[in-house]
């Protein structure tokens, strides 16, 4: 299982999608085919023109055997 640690507070959501794709060594076309969406959807997610759903994140995780950990931290209330 691949594990990517990303501090989501440092990235926009479109940057996270692109980071994961590139870390997997995939082209936009390969990512699209792997999770059965259009290449234009991948392009639009990465450019921030569309938002992907949690379902899309789960598809990516299942297809590429990724572990997803979501931490919700309020930087204003950090101890």
PDB file of N, CA and C in Angstrom:
ATOM      1  N   UNK A   1       0.840  -1.178   0.000  1.00  0.00           N
ATOM      2  CA  UNK A   1       0.000   0.000   0.000  1.00  0.00           C
ATOM      3  C   UNK A   1       0.882   1.238   0.000  1.00  0.00           C
ATOM      4  N   UNK A   2       0.597   2.141  -0.905  1.00  0.00           N
ATOM      5  CA  UNK A   2       1.346   3.395  -0.985  1.00  0.00           C
ATOM      6  C   UNK A   2       0.741   4.389  -0.003  1.00  0.00           C
ATOM      7  N   UNK A   3       1.597   5.156   0.625  1.00  0.00           N
ATOM      8  CA  UNK A   3       1.139   6.128   1.605  1.00  0.00           C
ATOM      9  C   UNK A   3       1.798   7.466   1.299  1.00  0.00           C
ATOM     10  N   UNK A   4       0.994   8.455   0.963  1.00  0.00           N
ATOM     11  CA  UNK A   4       1.487   9.798   0.723  1.00  0.00           C
ATOM     12  C   UNK A   4       1.047  10.657   1.886  1.00  0.00           C
ATOM     13  N   UNK A   5       1.973  11.356   2.496  1.00  0.00           N
ATOM     14  CA  UNK A   5       1.621  12.280   3.560  1.00  0.00           C
ATOM     15  C   UNK A   5       1.613  13.680   2.974  1.00  0.00           C
ATOM     16  N   UNK A   6       0.441  14.280   2.969  1.00  0.00           N
ATOM     17  CA  UNK A   6       0.263  15.610   2.405  1.00  0.00           C
ATOM     18  C   UNK A   6      -0.407  16.473   3.456  1.00  0.00           C
ATOM     19  N   UNK A   7       0.186  17.596   3.754  1.00  0.00           N
ATOM     20  CA  UNK A   7      -0.467  18.560   4.634  1.00  0.00           C
ATOM     21  C   UNK A   7      -1.385  19.393   3.749  1.00  0.00           C
ATOM     22  N   UNK A   8      -2.657  19.056   3.782  1.00  0.00           N
ATOM     23  CA  UNK A   8      -3.614  19.672   2.872  1.00  0.00           C
ATOM     24  C   UNK A   8      -3.751  21.176   3.084  1.00  0.00           C
ATOM     25  N   UNK A   9      -3.325  21.670   4.213  1.00  0.00           N
ATOM     26  CA  UNK A   9      -3.422  23.109   4.441  1.00  0.00           C
ATOM     27  C   UNK A   9      -2.413  23.876   3.586  1.00  0.00           C
ATOM     28  N   UNK A  10      -1.430  23.168   3.030  1.00  0.00           N
ATOM     29  CA  UNK A  10      -0.416  23.807   2.194  1.00  0.00           C
ATOM     30  C   UNK A  10      -0.761  23.772   0.702  1.00  0.00           C
ATOM     31  N   UNK A  11      -1.848  23.108   0.348  1.00  0.00           N
ATOM     32  CA  UNK A  11      -2.205  22.925  -1.060  1.00  0.00           C
ATOM     33  C   UNK A  11      -3.662  23.278  -1.307  1.00  0.00           C
ATOM     34  N   UNK A  12      -3.946  23.705  -2.525  1.00  0.00           N
ATOM     35  CA  UNK A  12      -5.321  23.807  -2.981  1.00  0.00           C
ATOM     36  C   UNK A  12      -5.748  22.403  -3.383  1.00  0.00           C
ATOM     37  N   UNK A  13      -7.044  22.131  -3.403  1.00  0.00           N
ATOM     38  CA  UNK A  13      -7.494  20.772  -3.709  1.00  0.00           C
ATOM     39  C   UNK A  13      -7.041  20.307  -5.084  1.00  0.00           C
ATOM     40  N   UNK A  14      -7.016  21.210  -6.067  1.00  0.00           N
ATOM     41  CA  UNK A  14      -6.571  20.796  -7.396  1.00  0.00           C
ATOM     42  C   UNK A  14      -5.090  20.399  -7.387  1.00  0.00           C
ATOM     43  N   UNK A  15      -4.285  21.035  -6.554  1.00  0.00           N
ATOM     44  CA  UNK A  15      -2.865  20.703  -6.477  1.00  0.00           C
ATOM     45  C   UNK A  15      -2.646  19.323  -5.858  1.00  0.00           C
ATOM     46  N   UNK A  16      -3.505  18.941  -4.936  1.00  0.00           N
ATOM     47  CA  UNK A  16      -3.389  17.620  -4.311  1.00  0.00           C
ATOM     48  C   UNK A  16      -3.653  16.532  -5.344  1.00  0.00           C
ATOM     49  N   UNK A  17      -4.694  16.704  -6.143  1.00  0.00           N
ATOM     50  CA  UNK A  17      -5.020  15.715  -7.175  1.00  0.00           C
ATOM     51  C   UNK A  17      -3.834  15.537  -8.122  1.00  0.00           C
ATOM     52  N   UNK A  18      -3.267  16.636  -8.568  1.00  0.00           N
ATOM     53  CA  UNK A  18      -2.124  16.582  -9.480  1.00  0.00           C
ATOM     54  C   UNK A  18      -0.900  15.968  -8.807  1.00  0.00           C
ATOM     55  N   UNK A  19      -0.645  16.322  -7.548  1.00  0.00           N
ATOM     56  CA  UNK A  19       0.484  15.767  -6.811  1.00  0.00           C
ATOM     57  C   UNK A  19       0.398  14.243  -6.747  1.00  0.00           C
ATOM     58  N   UNK A  20      -0.774  13.737  -6.394  1.00  0.00           N
ATOM     59  CA  UNK A  20      -0.949  12.281  -6.286  1.00  0.00           C
ATOM     60  C   UNK A  20      -0.749  11.616  -7.642  1.00  0.00           C
ATOM     61  N   UNK A  21      -1.337  12.179  -8.684  1.00  0.00           N
ATOM     62  CA  UNK A  21      -1.176  11.602 -10.028  1.00  0.00           C
ATOM     63  C   UNK A  21       0.292  11.542 -10.426  1.00  0.00           C
ATOM     64  N   UNK A  22       0.987  12.641 -10.215  1.00  0.00           N
ATOM     65  CA  UNK A  22       2.401  12.682 -10.595  1.00  0.00           C
ATOM     66  C   UNK A  22       3.245  11.751  -9.726  1.00  0.00           C
ATOM     67  N   UNK A  23       2.923  11.665  -8.450  1.00  0.00           N
ATOM     68  CA  UNK A  23       3.666  10.767  -7.556  1.00  0.00           C
ATOM     69  C   UNK A  23       3.481   9.307  -7.965  1.00  0.00           C
ATOM     70  N   UNK A  24       2.331   9.001  -8.544  1.00  0.00           N
ATOM     71  CA  UNK A  24       2.088   7.644  -9.049  1.00  0.00           C
ATOM     72  C   UNK A  24       2.751   7.416 -10.407  1.00  0.00           C
ATOM     73  N   UNK A  25       3.277   8.483 -10.997  1.00  0.00           N
ATOM     74  CA  UNK A  25       3.942   8.368 -12.297  1.00  0.00           C
ATOM     75  C   UNK A  25       2.970   8.195 -13.446  1.00  0.00           C
ATOM     76  N   UNK A  26       1.769   8.762 -13.307  1.00  0.00           N
ATOM     77  CA  UNK A  26       0.733   8.597 -14.314  1.00  0.00           C
ATOM     78  C   UNK A  26       0.542   9.869 -15.135  1.00  0.00           C
ATOM     79  N   UNK A  27       0.189   9.674 -16.388  1.00  0.00           N
ATOM     80  CA  UNK A  27      -0.247  10.796 -17.206  1.00  0.00           C
ATOM     81  C   UNK A  27      -1.705  11.089 -16.861  1.00  0.00           C
ATOM     82  N   UNK A  28      -2.192  12.205 -17.336  1.00  0.00           N
ATOM     83  CA  UNK A  28      -3.607  12.518 -17.120  1.00  0.00           C
ATOM     84  C   UNK A  28      -4.491  11.454 -17.774  1.00  0.00           C
ATOM     85  N   UNK A  29      -4.088  11.006 -18.949  1.00  0.00           N
ATOM     86  CA  UNK A  29      -4.859   9.986 -19.661  1.00  0.00           C
ATOM     87  C   UNK A  29      -4.881   8.676 -18.875  1.00  0.00           C
ATOM     88  N   UNK A  30      -3.740   8.264 -18.341  1.00  0.00           N
ATOM     89  CA  UNK A  30      -3.678   7.025 -17.568  1.00  0.00           C
ATOM     90  C   UNK A  30      -4.535   7.108 -16.306  1.00  0.00           C
ATOM     91  N   UNK A  31      -4.485   8.254 -15.631  1.00  0.00           N
ATOM     92  CA  UNK A  31      -5.302   8.434 -14.431  1.00  0.00           C
ATOM     93  C   UNK A  31      -6.779   8.340 -14.797  1.00  0.00           C
ATOM     94  N   UNK A  32      -7.163   9.031 -15.856  1.00  0.00           N
ATOM     95  CA  UNK A  32      -8.560   9.031 -16.290  1.00  0.00           C
ATOM     96  C   UNK A  32      -9.039   7.617 -16.612  1.00  0.00           C
ATOM     97  N   UNK A  33      -8.244   6.899 -17.381  1.00  0.00           N
ATOM     98  CA  UNK A  33      -8.621   5.533 -17.743  1.00  0.00           C
ATOM     99  C   UNK A  33      -8.690   4.636 -16.512  1.00  0.00           C
ATOM    100  N   UNK A  34      -7.769   4.837 -15.588  1.00  0.00           N
ATOM    101  CA  UNK A  34      -7.719   3.994 -14.390  1.00  0.00           C
ATOM    102  C   UNK A  34      -8.934   4.124 -13.492  1.00  0.00           C
ATOM    103  N   UNK A  35      -9.480   5.332 -13.413  1.00  0.00           N
ATOM    104  CA  UNK A  35     -10.642   5.526 -12.533  1.00  0.00           C
ATOM    105  C   UNK A  35     -11.925   5.767 -13.325  1.00  0.00           C
ATOM    106  N   UNK A  36     -11.834   5.528 -14.639  1.00  0.00           N
ATOM    107  CA  UNK A  36     -12.992   5.569 -15.525  1.00  0.00           C
ATOM    108  C   UNK A  36     -13.717   6.919 -15.526  1.00  0.00           C
ATOM    109  N   UNK A  37     -12.929   7.957 -15.755  1.00  0.00           N
ATOM    110  CA  UNK A  37     -13.482   9.284 -15.987  1.00  0.00           C
ATOM    111  C   UNK A  37     -12.807   9.826 -17.245  1.00  0.00           C
ATOM    112  N   UNK A  38     -13.278  10.932 -17.735  1.00  0.00           N
ATOM    113  CA  UNK A  38     -12.681  11.489 -18.953  1.00  0.00           C
ATOM    114  C   UNK A  38     -11.367  12.199 -18.624  1.00  0.00           C
ATOM    115  N   UNK A  39     -10.501  12.240 -19.632  1.00  0.00           N
ATOM    116  CA  UNK A  39      -9.239  12.961 -19.478  1.00  0.00           C
ATOM    117  C   UNK A  39      -9.515  14.437 -19.225  1.00  0.00           C
ATOM    118  N   UNK A  40     -10.554  14.957 -19.855  1.00  0.00           N
ATOM    119  CA  UNK A  40     -10.877  16.374 -19.650  1.00  0.00           C
ATOM    120  C   UNK A  40     -11.290  16.641 -18.204  1.00  0.00           C
ATOM    121  N   UNK A  41     -11.894  15.656 -17.537  1.00  0.00           N
ATOM    122  CA  UNK A  41     -12.229  15.822 -16.114  1.00  0.00           C
ATOM    123  C   UNK A  41     -10.957  15.946 -15.288  1.00  0.00           C
ATOM    124  N   UNK A  42      -9.976  15.104 -15.564  1.00  0.00           N
ATOM    125  CA  UNK A  42      -8.699  15.179 -14.848  1.00  0.00           C
ATOM    126  C   UNK A  42      -8.069  16.550 -15.085  1.00  0.00           C
ATOM    127  N   UNK A  43      -8.056  16.988 -16.317  1.00  0.00           N
ATOM    128  CA  UNK A  43      -7.493  18.306 -16.645  1.00  0.00           C
ATOM    129  C   UNK A  43      -8.208  19.409 -15.868  1.00  0.00           C
ATOM    130  N   UNK A  44      -9.529  19.333 -15.825  1.00  0.00           N
ATOM    131  CA  UNK A  44     -10.313  20.371 -15.148  1.00  0.00           C
ATOM    132  C   UNK A  44     -10.093  20.328 -13.634  1.00  0.00           C
ATOM    133  N   UNK A  45      -9.969  19.138 -13.055  1.00  0.00           N
ATOM    134  CA  UNK A  45      -9.669  19.031 -11.619  1.00  0.00           C
ATOM    135  C   UNK A  45      -8.329  19.685 -11.312  1.00  0.00           C
ATOM    136  N   UNK A  46      -7.337  19.374 -12.135  1.00  0.00           N
ATOM    137  CA  UNK A  46      -5.984  19.863 -11.877  1.00  0.00           C
ATOM    138  C   UNK A  46      -5.851  21.367 -12.108  1.00  0.00           C
ATOM    139  N   UNK A  47      -6.658  21.905 -12.965  1.00  0.00           N
ATOM    140  CA  UNK A  47      -6.620  23.350 -13.223  1.00  0.00           C
ATOM    141  C   UNK A  47      -7.522  24.124 -12.259  1.00  0.00           C
ATOM    142  N   UNK A  48      -8.270  23.398 -11.444  1.00  0.00           N
ATOM    143  CA  UNK A  48      -9.153  24.044 -10.482  1.00  0.00           C
ATOM    144  C   UNK A  48     -10.442  24.562 -11.094  1.00  0.00           C
ATOM    145  N   UNK A  49     -10.785  24.062 -12.277  1.00  0.00           N
ATOM    146  CA  UNK A  49     -12.008  24.500 -12.949  1.00  0.00           C
ATOM    147  C   UNK A  49     -13.230  23.715 -12.492  1.00  0.00           C
ATOM    148  N   UNK A  50     -13.017  22.513 -11.990  1.00  0.00           N
ATOM    149  CA  UNK A  50     -14.072  21.666 -11.420  1.00  0.00           C
ATOM    150  C   UNK A  50     -13.567  21.106 -10.107  1.00  0.00           C
ATOM    151  N   UNK A  51     -14.478  20.795  -9.230  1.00  0.00           N
ATOM    152  CA  UNK A  51     -14.127  20.134  -7.970  1.00  0.00           C
ATOM    153  C   UNK A  51     -14.454  18.656  -8.073  1.00  0.00           C
ATOM    154  N   UNK A  52     -13.552  17.827  -7.621  1.00  0.00           N
ATOM    155  CA  UNK A  52     -13.816  16.391  -7.598  1.00  0.00           C
ATOM    156  C   UNK A  52     -14.517  16.045  -6.296  1.00  0.00           C
ATOM    157  N   UNK A  53     -15.196  14.910  -6.323  1.00  0.00           N
ATOM    158  CA  UNK A  53     -15.969  14.480  -5.160  1.00  0.00           C
ATOM    159  C   UNK A  53     -15.152  13.527  -4.297  1.00  0.00           C
ATOM    160  N   UNK A  54     -15.661  13.271  -3.114  1.00  0.00           N
ATOM    161  CA  UNK A  54     -15.018  12.285  -2.244  1.00  0.00           C
ATOM    162  C   UNK A  54     -15.040  10.917  -2.923  1.00  0.00           C
ATOM    163  N   UNK A  55     -16.087  10.643  -3.689  1.00  0.00           N
ATOM    164  CA  UNK A  55     -16.179   9.384  -4.432  1.00  0.00           C
ATOM    165  C   UNK A  55     -14.992   9.236  -5.389  1.00  0.00           C
ATOM    166  N   UNK A  56     -14.584  10.321  -6.020  1.00  0.00           N
ATOM    167  CA  UNK A  56     -13.433  10.289  -6.926  1.00  0.00           C
ATOM    168  C   UNK A  56     -12.159   9.973  -6.159  1.00  0.00           C
ATOM    169  N   UNK A  57     -12.011  10.557  -4.987  1.00  0.00           N
ATOM    170  CA  UNK A  57     -10.839  10.275  -4.149  1.00  0.00           C
ATOM    171  C   UNK A  57     -10.801   8.794  -3.785  1.00  0.00           C
ATOM    172  N   UNK A  58     -11.950   8.243  -3.427  1.00  0.00           N
ATOM    173  CA  UNK A  58     -12.028   6.821  -3.064  1.00  0.00           C
ATOM    174  C   UNK A  58     -11.681   5.948  -4.266  1.00  0.00           C
ATOM    175  N   UNK A  59     -12.148   6.311  -5.461  1.00  0.00           N
ATOM    176  CA  UNK A  59     -11.806   5.555  -6.676  1.00  0.00           C
ATOM    177  C   UNK A  59     -10.294   5.513  -6.878  1.00  0.00           C
ATOM    178  N   UNK A  60      -9.646   6.654  -6.723  1.00  0.00           N
ATOM    179  CA  UNK A  60      -8.190   6.736  -6.886  1.00  0.00           C
ATOM    180  C   UNK A  60      -7.510   5.845  -5.844  1.00  0.00           C
ATOM    181  N   UNK A  61      -7.946   5.954  -4.609  1.00  0.00           N
ATOM    182  CA  UNK A  61      -7.337   5.171  -3.523  1.00  0.00           C
ATOM    183  C   UNK A  61      -7.482   3.676  -3.765  1.00  0.00           C
ATOM    184  N   UNK A  62      -8.655   3.245  -4.158  1.00  0.00           N
ATOM    185  CA  UNK A  62      -8.885   1.811  -4.398  1.00  0.00           C
ATOM    186  C   UNK A  62      -8.089   1.315  -5.599  1.00  0.00           C
ATOM    187  N   UNK A  63      -8.136   2.064  -6.691  1.00  0.00           N
ATOM    188  CA  UNK A  63      -7.464   1.643  -7.917  1.00  0.00           C
ATOM    189  C   UNK A  63      -5.953   1.528  -7.726  1.00  0.00           C
ATOM    190  N   UNK A  64      -5.368   2.481  -7.006  1.00  0.00           N
ATOM    191  CA  UNK A  64      -3.906   2.527  -6.883  1.00  0.00           C
ATOM    192  C   UNK A  64      -3.409   2.129  -5.511  1.00  0.00           C
ATOM    193  N   UNK A  65      -4.298   1.490  -4.732  1.00  0.00           N
ATOM    194  CA  UNK A  65      -3.928   0.939  -3.433  1.00  0.00           C
ATOM    195  C   UNK A  65      -3.271   1.990  -2.534  1.00  0.00           C
ATOM    196  N   UNK A  66      -3.981   3.087  -2.348  1.00  0.00           N
ATOM    197  CA  UNK A  66      -3.474   4.185  -1.535  1.00  0.00           C
ATOM    198  C   UNK A  66      -4.184   4.222  -0.186  1.00  0.00           C
ATOM    199  N   UNK A  67      -3.475   4.658   0.796  1.00  0.00           N
ATOM    200  CA  UNK A  67      -4.058   4.891   2.108  1.00  0.00           C
ATOM    201  C   UNK A  67      -4.363   6.385   2.213  1.00  0.00           C
ATOM    202  N   UNK A  68      -5.583   6.691   2.591  1.00  0.00           N
ATOM    203  CA  UNK A  68      -5.976   8.092   2.747  1.00  0.00           C
ATOM    204  C   UNK A  68      -6.179   8.367   4.228  1.00  0.00           C
ATOM    205  N   UNK A  69      -5.492   9.373   4.707  1.00  0.00           N
ATOM    206  CA  UNK A  69      -5.668   9.822   6.078  1.00  0.00           C
ATOM    207  C   UNK A  69      -6.030  11.296   6.030  1.00  0.00           C
ATOM    208  N   UNK A  70      -7.116  11.629   6.665  1.00  0.00           N
ATOM    209  CA  UNK A  70      -7.552  13.018   6.678  1.00  0.00           C
ATOM    210  C   UNK A  70      -7.473  13.518   8.113  1.00  0.00           C
ATOM    211  N   UNK A  71      -6.693  14.558   8.303  1.00  0.00           N
ATOM    212  CA  UNK A  71      -6.583  15.190   9.619  1.00  0.00           C
ATOM    213  C   UNK A  71      -7.187  16.572   9.522  1.00  0.00           C
ATOM    214  N   UNK A  72      -8.045  16.882  10.444  1.00  0.00           N
ATOM    215  CA  UNK A  72      -8.663  18.197  10.477  1.00  0.00           C
ATOM    216  C   UNK A  72      -8.086  18.949  11.641  1.00  0.00           C
ATOM    217  N   UNK A  73      -7.307  19.946  11.321  1.00  0.00           N
ATOM    218  CA  UNK A  73      -6.670  20.763  12.347  1.00  0.00           C
ATOM    219  C   UNK A  73      -7.030  22.218  12.147  1.00  0.00           C
ATOM    220  N   UNK A  74      -7.277  22.889  13.222  1.00  0.00           N
ATOM    221  CA  UNK A  74      -7.522  24.306  13.178  1.00  0.00           C
ATOM    222  C   UNK A  74      -6.216  24.996  13.540  1.00  0.00           C
ATOM    223  N   UNK A  75      -5.549  25.564  12.539  1.00  0.00           N
ATOM    224  CA  UNK A  75      -4.242  26.191  12.799  1.00  0.00           C
ATOM    225  C   UNK A  75      -4.345  27.332  13.791  1.00  0.00           C
ATOM    226  N   UNK A  76      -5.504  27.929  13.912  1.00  0.00           N
ATOM    227  CA  UNK A  76      -5.696  29.021  14.855  1.00  0.00           C
ATOM    228  C   UNK A  76      -5.776  28.548  16.304  1.00  0.00           C
ATOM    229  N   UNK A  77      -6.103  27.264  16.477  1.00  0.00           N
ATOM    230  CA  UNK A  77      -6.224  26.710  17.830  1.00  0.00           C
ATOM    231  C   UNK A  77      -5.176  25.646  18.114  1.00  0.00           C
ATOM    232  N   UNK A  78      -4.085  25.646  17.394  1.00  0.00           N
ATOM    233  CA  UNK A  78      -3.024  24.656  17.609  1.00  0.00           C
ATOM    234  C   UNK A  78      -2.454  24.800  19.004  1.00  0.00           C
ATOM    235  N   UNK A  79      -2.175  23.650  19.600  1.00  0.00           N
ATOM    236  CA  UNK A  79      -1.583  23.662  20.949  1.00  0.00           C
ATOM    237  C   UNK A  79      -0.132  23.290  20.885  1.00  0.00           C
TER     238      UNK A  79
END
